[in-house]
Amino acid sequence: MQRLAARRVNLFDFEKGMSELSTQLGGAIDHPHSTPMSAWELFQRLDTSERHTLEFYYRKKVRELAKEWRTKFPSLFLEPSLPASE
């Protein structure tokens, strides 16, 4: 958490959060014989349903983490504001 906070990561930013977390865990790869890819590149290869499922699961986990860690690392859990209604 300290590393993520030092890098000014907001875990509610799905693209950046997923990329940073996969880097912390050693990066993302595809097939063993292919060039290593980022988590975001692999995410882009998923179909729409798989993307929605993964993003839903990610956001659910971030909300769970926020309950425990938000007080100590508030910058990691800045929920995006909703757009104003017109």
PDB file of N, CA and C in Angstrom:
ATOM      1  N   MET A   1       0.824  -1.185   0.000  1.00  0.00           N
ATOM      2  CA  MET A   1       0.000   0.000   0.000  1.00  0.00           C
ATOM      3  C   MET A   1       0.870   1.252   0.000  1.00  0.00           C
ATOM      4  N   GLN A   2       1.969   1.194   0.754  1.00  0.00           N
ATOM      5  CA  GLN A   2       2.861   2.358   0.808  1.00  0.00           C
ATOM      6  C   GLN A   2       3.459   2.654  -0.563  1.00  0.00           C
ATOM      7  N   ARG A   3       3.832   1.616  -1.297  1.00  0.00           N
ATOM      8  CA  ARG A   3       4.389   1.828  -2.644  1.00  0.00           C
ATOM      9  C   ARG A   3       3.363   2.461  -3.573  1.00  0.00           C
ATOM     10  N   LEU A   4       2.143   1.970  -3.508  1.00  0.00           N
ATOM     11  CA  LEU A   4       1.082   2.522  -4.358  1.00  0.00           C
ATOM     12  C   LEU A   4       0.807   3.971  -3.992  1.00  0.00           C
ATOM     13  N   ALA A   5       0.760   4.257  -2.700  1.00  0.00           N
ATOM     14  CA  ALA A   5       0.517   5.632  -2.253  1.00  0.00           C
ATOM     15  C   ALA A   5       1.663   6.546  -2.696  1.00  0.00           C
ATOM     16  N   ALA A   6       2.900   6.053  -2.603  1.00  0.00           N
ATOM     17  CA  ALA A   6       4.057   6.847  -3.025  1.00  0.00           C
ATOM     18  C   ALA A   6       4.006   7.144  -4.520  1.00  0.00           C
ATOM     19  N   ARG A   7       3.433   6.232  -5.292  1.00  0.00           N
ATOM     20  CA  ARG A   7       3.309   6.428  -6.739  1.00  0.00           C
ATOM     21  C   ARG A   7       2.047   7.203  -7.104  1.00  0.00           C
ATOM     22  N   ARG A   8       1.298   7.633  -6.082  1.00  0.00           N
ATOM     23  CA  ARG A   8       0.067   8.422  -6.257  1.00  0.00           C
ATOM     24  C   ARG A   8      -0.981   7.702  -7.097  1.00  0.00           C
ATOM     25  N   VAL A   9      -1.171   6.439  -6.793  1.00  0.00           N
ATOM     26  CA  VAL A   9      -2.158   5.629  -7.501  1.00  0.00           C
ATOM     27  C   VAL A   9      -3.507   5.771  -6.804  1.00  0.00           C
ATOM     28  N   ASN A  10      -4.532   5.988  -7.579  1.00  0.00           N
ATOM     29  CA  ASN A  10      -5.896   5.943  -7.071  1.00  0.00           C
ATOM     30  C   ASN A  10      -6.473   4.619  -7.551  1.00  0.00           C
ATOM     31  N   LEU A  11      -6.725   3.704  -6.637  1.00  0.00           N
ATOM     32  CA  LEU A  11      -7.180   2.375  -7.037  1.00  0.00           C
ATOM     33  C   LEU A  11      -8.558   2.386  -7.684  1.00  0.00           C
ATOM     34  N   PHE A  12      -9.312   3.462  -7.519  1.00  0.00           N
ATOM     35  CA  PHE A  12     -10.599   3.553  -8.211  1.00  0.00           C
ATOM     36  C   PHE A  12     -10.436   3.926  -9.685  1.00  0.00           C
ATOM     37  N   ASP A  13      -9.228   4.302 -10.100  1.00  0.00           N
ATOM     38  CA  ASP A  13      -8.926   4.504 -11.522  1.00  0.00           C
ATOM     39  C   ASP A  13      -8.584   3.125 -12.071  1.00  0.00           C
ATOM     40  N   PHE A  14      -9.554   2.481 -12.683  1.00  0.00           N
ATOM     41  CA  PHE A  14      -9.442   1.079 -13.083  1.00  0.00           C
ATOM     42  C   PHE A  14      -8.193   0.801 -13.920  1.00  0.00           C
ATOM     43  N   GLU A  15      -7.976   1.557 -14.986  1.00  0.00           N
ATOM     44  CA  GLU A  15      -6.845   1.280 -15.878  1.00  0.00           C
ATOM     45  C   GLU A  15      -5.505   1.409 -15.137  1.00  0.00           C
ATOM     46  N   LYS A  16      -5.320   2.511 -14.463  1.00  0.00           N
ATOM     47  CA  LYS A  16      -4.056   2.728 -13.759  1.00  0.00           C
ATOM     48  C   LYS A  16      -3.905   1.765 -12.584  1.00  0.00           C
ATOM     49  N   GLY A  17      -4.974   1.566 -11.839  1.00  0.00           N
ATOM     50  CA  GLY A  17      -4.924   0.649 -10.699  1.00  0.00           C
ATOM     51  C   GLY A  17      -4.574  -0.763 -11.110  1.00  0.00           C
ATOM     52  N   MET A  18      -5.239  -1.257 -12.147  1.00  0.00           N
ATOM     53  CA  MET A  18      -4.962  -2.604 -12.623  1.00  0.00           C
ATOM     54  C   MET A  18      -3.522  -2.714 -13.108  1.00  0.00           C
ATOM     55  N   SER A  19      -3.055  -1.725 -13.837  1.00  0.00           N
ATOM     56  CA  SER A  19      -1.680  -1.744 -14.348  1.00  0.00           C
ATOM     57  C   SER A  19      -0.668  -1.729 -13.213  1.00  0.00           C
ATOM     58  N   GLU A  20      -0.881  -0.856 -12.235  1.00  0.00           N
ATOM     59  CA  GLU A  20       0.048  -0.758 -11.102  1.00  0.00           C
ATOM     60  C   GLU A  20       0.055  -2.039 -10.280  1.00  0.00           C
ATOM     61  N   LEU A  21      -1.113  -2.598 -10.023  1.00  0.00           N
ATOM     62  CA  LEU A  21      -1.176  -3.818  -9.225  1.00  0.00           C
ATOM     63  C   LEU A  21      -0.517  -4.987  -9.945  1.00  0.00           C
ATOM     64  N   SER A  22      -0.725  -5.094 -11.249  1.00  0.00           N
ATOM     65  CA  SER A  22      -0.100  -6.205 -11.963  1.00  0.00           C
ATOM     66  C   SER A  22       1.419  -6.040 -11.984  1.00  0.00           C
ATOM     67  N   THR A  23       1.901  -4.797 -12.032  1.00  0.00           N
ATOM     68  CA  THR A  23       3.342  -4.550 -11.979  1.00  0.00           C
ATOM     69  C   THR A  23       3.882  -4.982 -10.620  1.00  0.00           C
ATOM     70  N   GLN A  24       3.152  -4.653  -9.556  1.00  0.00           N
ATOM     71  CA  GLN A  24       3.562  -5.047  -8.210  1.00  0.00           C
ATOM     72  C   GLN A  24       3.618  -6.568  -8.062  1.00  0.00           C
ATOM     73  N   LEU A  25       2.782  -7.264  -8.816  1.00  0.00           N
ATOM     74  CA  LEU A  25       2.717  -8.729  -8.732  1.00  0.00           C
ATOM     75  C   LEU A  25       3.585  -9.412  -9.785  1.00  0.00           C
ATOM     76  N   GLY A  26       4.407  -8.660 -10.482  1.00  0.00           N
ATOM     77  CA  GLY A  26       5.313  -9.258 -11.446  1.00  0.00           C
ATOM     78  C   GLY A  26       4.919  -9.085 -12.894  1.00  0.00           C
ATOM     79  N   GLY A  27       3.876  -8.342 -13.165  1.00  0.00           N
ATOM     80  CA  GLY A  27       3.473  -8.077 -14.542  1.00  0.00           C
ATOM     81  C   GLY A  27       2.518  -9.123 -15.077  1.00  0.00           C
ATOM     82  N   ALA A  28       2.004  -8.845 -16.239  1.00  0.00           N
ATOM     83  CA  ALA A  28       1.054  -9.754 -16.883  1.00  0.00           C
ATOM     84  C   ALA A  28       1.707 -10.337 -18.117  1.00  0.00           C
ATOM     85  N   ILE A  29       1.410 -11.585 -18.392  1.00  0.00           N
ATOM     86  CA  ILE A  29       1.913 -12.202 -19.620  1.00  0.00           C
ATOM     87  C   ILE A  29       0.785 -12.996 -20.248  1.00  0.00           C
ATOM     88  N   ASP A  30       0.974 -13.339 -21.491  1.00  0.00           N
ATOM     89  CA  ASP A  30      -0.019 -14.121 -22.209  1.00  0.00           C
ATOM     90  C   ASP A  30       0.507 -15.548 -22.295  1.00  0.00           C
ATOM     91  N   HIS A  31       0.607 -16.077 -23.446  1.00  0.00           N
ATOM     92  CA  HIS A  31       1.124 -17.412 -23.706  1.00  0.00           C
ATOM     93  C   HIS A  31       2.625 -17.440 -23.407  1.00  0.00           C
ATOM     94  N   PRO A  32       3.165 -18.550 -22.907  1.00  0.00           N
ATOM     95  CA  PRO A  32       4.589 -18.601 -22.551  1.00  0.00           C
ATOM     96  C   PRO A  32       5.541 -18.284 -23.711  1.00  0.00           C
ATOM     97  N   HIS A  33       5.079 -18.461 -24.940  1.00  0.00           N
ATOM     98  CA  HIS A  33       5.945 -18.210 -26.086  1.00  0.00           C
ATOM     99  C   HIS A  33       5.733 -16.849 -26.720  1.00  0.00           C
ATOM    100  N   SER A  34       4.949 -16.012 -26.080  1.00  0.00           N
ATOM    101  CA  SER A  34       4.694 -14.687 -26.653  1.00  0.00           C
ATOM    102  C   SER A  34       5.447 -13.622 -25.870  1.00  0.00           C
ATOM    103  N   THR A  35       5.484 -12.444 -26.436  1.00  0.00           N
ATOM    104  CA  THR A  35       6.113 -11.305 -25.783  1.00  0.00           C
ATOM    105  C   THR A  35       5.290 -10.919 -24.560  1.00  0.00           C
ATOM    106  N   PRO A  36       5.926 -10.636 -23.419  1.00  0.00           N
ATOM    107  CA  PRO A  36       5.160 -10.211 -22.247  1.00  0.00           C
ATOM    108  C   PRO A  36       4.311  -8.986 -22.563  1.00  0.00           C
ATOM    109  N   MET A  37       3.135  -8.962 -21.976  1.00  0.00           N
ATOM    110  CA  MET A  37       2.192  -7.872 -22.210  1.00  0.00           C
ATOM    111  C   MET A  37       1.771  -7.287 -20.878  1.00  0.00           C
ATOM    112  N   SER A  38       1.280  -6.084 -20.933  1.00  0.00           N
ATOM    113  CA  SER A  38       0.766  -5.460 -19.714  1.00  0.00           C
ATOM    114  C   SER A  38      -0.633  -6.002 -19.426  1.00  0.00           C
ATOM    115  N   ALA A  39      -1.058  -5.813 -18.187  1.00  0.00           N
ATOM    116  CA  ALA A  39      -2.412  -6.230 -17.803  1.00  0.00           C
ATOM    117  C   ALA A  39      -3.449  -5.503 -18.657  1.00  0.00           C
ATOM    118  N   TRP A  40      -3.175  -4.219 -18.970  1.00  0.00           N
ATOM    119  CA  TRP A  40      -4.131  -3.455 -19.758  1.00  0.00           C
ATOM    120  C   TRP A  40      -4.238  -4.003 -21.176  1.00  0.00           C
ATOM    121  N   GLU A  41      -3.122  -4.407 -21.768  1.00  0.00           N
ATOM    122  CA  GLU A  41      -3.158  -4.993 -23.115  1.00  0.00           C
ATOM    123  C   GLU A  41      -3.946  -6.295 -23.114  1.00  0.00           C
ATOM    124  N   LEU A  42      -3.746  -7.115 -22.099  1.00  0.00           N
ATOM    125  CA  LEU A  42      -4.508  -8.362 -22.011  1.00  0.00           C
ATOM    126  C   LEU A  42      -5.995  -8.071 -21.800  1.00  0.00           C
ATOM    127  N   PHE A  43      -6.292  -7.082 -20.981  1.00  0.00           N
ATOM    128  CA  PHE A  43      -7.678  -6.695 -20.732  1.00  0.00           C
ATOM    129  C   PHE A  43      -8.357  -6.294 -22.047  1.00  0.00           C
ATOM    130  N   GLN A  44      -7.646  -5.561 -22.889  1.00  0.00           N
ATOM    131  CA  GLN A  44      -8.207  -5.112 -24.167  1.00  0.00           C
ATOM    132  C   GLN A  44      -8.532  -6.280 -25.093  1.00  0.00           C
ATOM    133  N   ARG A  45      -7.920  -7.417 -24.907  1.00  0.00           N
ATOM    134  CA  ARG A  45      -8.185  -8.595 -25.740  1.00  0.00           C
ATOM    135  C   ARG A  45      -9.448  -9.349 -25.336  1.00  0.00           C
ATOM    136  N   LEU A  46      -9.968  -9.042 -24.161  1.00  0.00           N
ATOM    137  CA  LEU A  46     -11.176  -9.727 -23.691  1.00  0.00           C
ATOM    138  C   LEU A  46     -12.398  -9.227 -24.442  1.00  0.00           C
ATOM    139  N   ASP A  47     -13.431 -10.070 -24.481  1.00  0.00           N
ATOM    140  CA  ASP A  47     -14.667  -9.586 -25.090  1.00  0.00           C
ATOM    141  C   ASP A  47     -15.389  -8.686 -24.085  1.00  0.00           C
ATOM    142  N   THR A  48     -16.402  -7.996 -24.551  1.00  0.00           N
ATOM    143  CA  THR A  48     -17.096  -6.989 -23.739  1.00  0.00           C
ATOM    144  C   THR A  48     -17.615  -7.562 -22.431  1.00  0.00           C
ATOM    145  N   SER A  49     -18.218  -8.721 -22.484  1.00  0.00           N
ATOM    146  CA  SER A  49     -18.762  -9.350 -21.276  1.00  0.00           C
ATOM    147  C   SER A  49     -17.648  -9.638 -20.266  1.00  0.00           C
ATOM    148  N   GLU A  50     -16.547 -10.161 -20.740  1.00  0.00           N
ATOM    149  CA  GLU A  50     -15.422 -10.464 -19.847  1.00  0.00           C
ATOM    150  C   GLU A  50     -14.842  -9.188 -19.246  1.00  0.00           C
ATOM    151  N   ARG A  51     -14.763  -8.129 -20.042  1.00  0.00           N
ATOM    152  CA  ARG A  51     -14.264  -6.843 -19.532  1.00  0.00           C
ATOM    153  C   ARG A  51     -15.156  -6.321 -18.413  1.00  0.00           C
ATOM    154  N   HIS A  52     -16.472  -6.347 -18.644  1.00  0.00           N
ATOM    155  CA  HIS A  52     -17.413  -5.861 -17.627  1.00  0.00           C
ATOM    156  C   HIS A  52     -17.307  -6.689 -16.346  1.00  0.00           C
ATOM    157  N   THR A  53     -17.187  -7.994 -16.493  1.00  0.00           N
ATOM    158  CA  THR A  53     -17.071  -8.877 -15.330  1.00  0.00           C
ATOM    159  C   THR A  53     -15.805  -8.587 -14.550  1.00  0.00           C
ATOM    160  N   LEU A  54     -14.696  -8.461 -15.244  1.00  0.00           N
ATOM    161  CA  LEU A  54     -13.424  -8.197 -14.581  1.00  0.00           C
ATOM    162  C   LEU A  54     -13.424  -6.831 -13.899  1.00  0.00           C
ATOM    163  N   GLU A  55     -13.950  -5.820 -14.576  1.00  0.00           N
ATOM    164  CA  GLU A  55     -13.995  -4.480 -13.987  1.00  0.00           C
ATOM    165  C   GLU A  55     -14.914  -4.457 -12.762  1.00  0.00           C
ATOM    166  N   PHE A  56     -16.051  -5.156 -12.846  1.00  0.00           N
ATOM    167  CA  PHE A  56     -16.960  -5.241 -11.706  1.00  0.00           C
ATOM    168  C   PHE A  56     -16.248  -5.892 -10.525  1.00  0.00           C
ATOM    169  N   TYR A  57     -15.564  -6.999 -10.751  1.00  0.00           N
ATOM    170  CA  TYR A  57     -14.845  -7.716  -9.695  1.00  0.00           C
ATOM    171  C   TYR A  57     -13.743  -6.834  -9.107  1.00  0.00           C
ATOM    172  N   TYR A  58     -12.992  -6.153  -9.958  1.00  0.00           N
ATOM    173  CA  TYR A  58     -11.926  -5.263  -9.504  1.00  0.00           C
ATOM    174  C   TYR A  58     -12.488  -4.176  -8.589  1.00  0.00           C
ATOM    175  N   ARG A  59     -13.542  -3.489  -9.036  1.00  0.00           N
ATOM    176  CA  ARG A  59     -14.117  -2.398  -8.245  1.00  0.00           C
ATOM    177  C   ARG A  59     -14.690  -2.909  -6.915  1.00  0.00           C
ATOM    178  N   LYS A  60     -15.267  -4.099  -6.936  1.00  0.00           N
ATOM    179  CA  LYS A  60     -15.779  -4.703  -5.707  1.00  0.00           C
ATOM    180  C   LYS A  60     -14.637  -4.915  -4.719  1.00  0.00           C
ATOM    181  N   LYS A  61     -13.521  -5.427  -5.191  1.00  0.00           N
ATOM    182  CA  LYS A  61     -12.370  -5.682  -4.328  1.00  0.00           C
ATOM    183  C   LYS A  61     -11.765  -4.377  -3.806  1.00  0.00           C
ATOM    184  N   VAL A  62     -11.720  -3.352  -4.648  1.00  0.00           N
ATOM    185  CA  VAL A  62     -11.192  -2.059  -4.204  1.00  0.00           C
ATOM    186  C   VAL A  62     -12.087  -1.483  -3.105  1.00  0.00           C
ATOM    187  N   ARG A  63     -13.397  -1.588  -3.260  1.00  0.00           N
ATOM    188  CA  ARG A  63     -14.309  -1.102  -2.217  1.00  0.00           C
ATOM    189  C   ARG A  63     -14.090  -1.854  -0.902  1.00  0.00           C
ATOM    190  N   GLU A  64     -13.845  -3.161  -0.993  1.00  0.00           N
ATOM    191  CA  GLU A  64     -13.572  -3.955   0.211  1.00  0.00           C
ATOM    192  C   GLU A  64     -12.261  -3.507   0.862  1.00  0.00           C
ATOM    193  N   LEU A  65     -11.233  -3.301   0.051  1.00  0.00           N
ATOM    194  CA  LEU A  65      -9.950  -2.817   0.578  1.00  0.00           C
ATOM    195  C   LEU A  65     -10.108  -1.446   1.220  1.00  0.00           C
ATOM    196  N   ALA A  66     -10.905  -0.609   0.606  1.00  0.00           N
ATOM    197  CA  ALA A  66     -11.094   0.750   1.111  1.00  0.00           C
ATOM    198  C   ALA A  66     -11.651   0.742   2.537  1.00  0.00           C
ATOM    199  N   LYS A  67     -12.523  -0.192   2.839  1.00  0.00           N
ATOM    200  CA  LYS A  67     -13.092  -0.265   4.192  1.00  0.00           C
ATOM    201  C   LYS A  67     -11.994  -0.420   5.241  1.00  0.00           C
ATOM    202  N   GLU A  68     -10.978  -1.187   4.907  1.00  0.00           N
ATOM    203  CA  GLU A  68      -9.905  -1.464   5.859  1.00  0.00           C
ATOM    204  C   GLU A  68      -8.775  -0.438   5.812  1.00  0.00           C
ATOM    205  N   TRP A  69      -8.457   0.088   4.626  1.00  0.00           N
ATOM    206  CA  TRP A  69      -7.242   0.875   4.448  1.00  0.00           C
ATOM    207  C   TRP A  69      -7.453   2.362   4.180  1.00  0.00           C
ATOM    208  N   ARG A  70      -8.657   2.813   3.935  1.00  0.00           N
ATOM    209  CA  ARG A  70      -8.893   4.205   3.546  1.00  0.00           C
ATOM    210  C   ARG A  70      -8.371   5.201   4.583  1.00  0.00           C
ATOM    211  N   THR A  71      -8.498   4.896   5.866  1.00  0.00           N
ATOM    212  CA  THR A  71      -8.036   5.849   6.885  1.00  0.00           C
ATOM    213  C   THR A  71      -6.525   6.025   6.844  1.00  0.00           C
ATOM    214  N   LYS A  72      -5.809   4.947   6.623  1.00  0.00           N
ATOM    215  CA  LYS A  72      -4.348   5.017   6.611  1.00  0.00           C
ATOM    216  C   LYS A  72      -3.805   5.532   5.274  1.00  0.00           C
ATOM    217  N   PHE A  73      -4.468   5.188   4.166  1.00  0.00           N
ATOM    218  CA  PHE A  73      -4.015   5.581   2.827  1.00  0.00           C
ATOM    219  C   PHE A  73      -5.169   6.203   2.034  1.00  0.00           C
ATOM    220  N   PRO A  74      -5.638   7.382   2.438  1.00  0.00           N
ATOM    221  CA  PRO A  74      -6.814   7.973   1.778  1.00  0.00           C
ATOM    222  C   PRO A  74      -6.609   8.259   0.290  1.00  0.00           C
ATOM    223  N   SER A  75      -5.381   8.561  -0.117  1.00  0.00           N
ATOM    224  CA  SER A  75      -5.151   8.890  -1.530  1.00  0.00           C
ATOM    225  C   SER A  75      -5.324   7.683  -2.449  1.00  0.00           C
ATOM    226  N   LEU A  76      -5.274   6.483  -1.914  1.00  0.00           N
ATOM    227  CA  LEU A  76      -5.470   5.285  -2.736  1.00  0.00           C
ATOM    228  C   LEU A  76      -6.931   5.036  -3.077  1.00  0.00           C
ATOM    229  N   PHE A  77      -7.815   5.677  -2.340  1.00  0.00           N
ATOM    230  CA  PHE A  77      -9.240   5.349  -2.470  1.00  0.00           C
ATOM    231  C   PHE A  77     -10.096   6.591  -2.707  1.00  0.00           C
ATOM    232  N   LEU A  78      -9.752   7.351  -3.710  1.00  0.00           N
ATOM    233  CA  LEU A  78     -10.521   8.541  -4.060  1.00  0.00           C
ATOM    234  C   LEU A  78     -11.557   8.156  -5.099  1.00  0.00           C
ATOM    235  N   GLU A  79     -12.789   8.012  -4.652  1.00  0.00           N
ATOM    236  CA  GLU A  79     -13.845   7.620  -5.579  1.00  0.00           C
ATOM    237  C   GLU A  79     -14.134   8.753  -6.542  1.00  0.00           C
ATOM    238  N   PRO A  80     -14.291   8.404  -7.822  1.00  0.00           N
ATOM    239  CA  PRO A  80     -14.570   9.457  -8.809  1.00  0.00           C
ATOM    240  C   PRO A  80     -15.933  10.090  -8.549  1.00  0.00           C
ATOM    241  N   SER A  81     -15.994  11.385  -8.782  1.00  0.00           N
ATOM    242  CA  SER A  81     -17.276  12.070  -8.601  1.00  0.00           C
ATOM    243  C   SER A  81     -18.150  11.781  -9.818  1.00  0.00           C
ATOM    244  N   LEU A  82     -19.426  11.723  -9.576  1.00  0.00           N
ATOM    245  CA  LEU A  82     -20.376  11.474 -10.655  1.00  0.00           C
ATOM    246  C   LEU A  82     -20.565  12.747 -11.478  1.00  0.00           C
ATOM    247  N   PRO A  83     -20.758  12.592 -12.786  1.00  0.00           N
ATOM    248  CA  PRO A  83     -20.984  13.777 -13.612  1.00  0.00           C
ATOM    249  C   PRO A  83     -22.278  14.477 -13.208  1.00  0.00           C
ATOM    250  N   ALA A  84     -22.253  15.778 -13.280  1.00  0.00           N
ATOM    251  CA  ALA A  84     -23.439  16.573 -12.911  1.00  0.00           C
ATOM    252  C   ALA A  84     -24.552  16.328 -13.938  1.00  0.00           C
ATOM    253  N   SER A  85     -25.756  16.263 -13.465  1.00  0.00           N
ATOM    254  CA  SER A  85     -26.902  16.110 -14.364  1.00  0.00           C
ATOM    255  C   SER A  85     -27.128  17.399 -15.112  1.00  0.00           C
ATOM    256  N   GLU A  86     -27.534  17.274 -16.357  1.00  0.00           N
ATOM    257  CA  GLU A  86     -27.783  18.479 -17.159  1.00  0.00           C
ATOM    258  C   GLU A  86     -29.226  18.879 -17.079  1.00  0.00           C
TER     259      GLU A  86
END
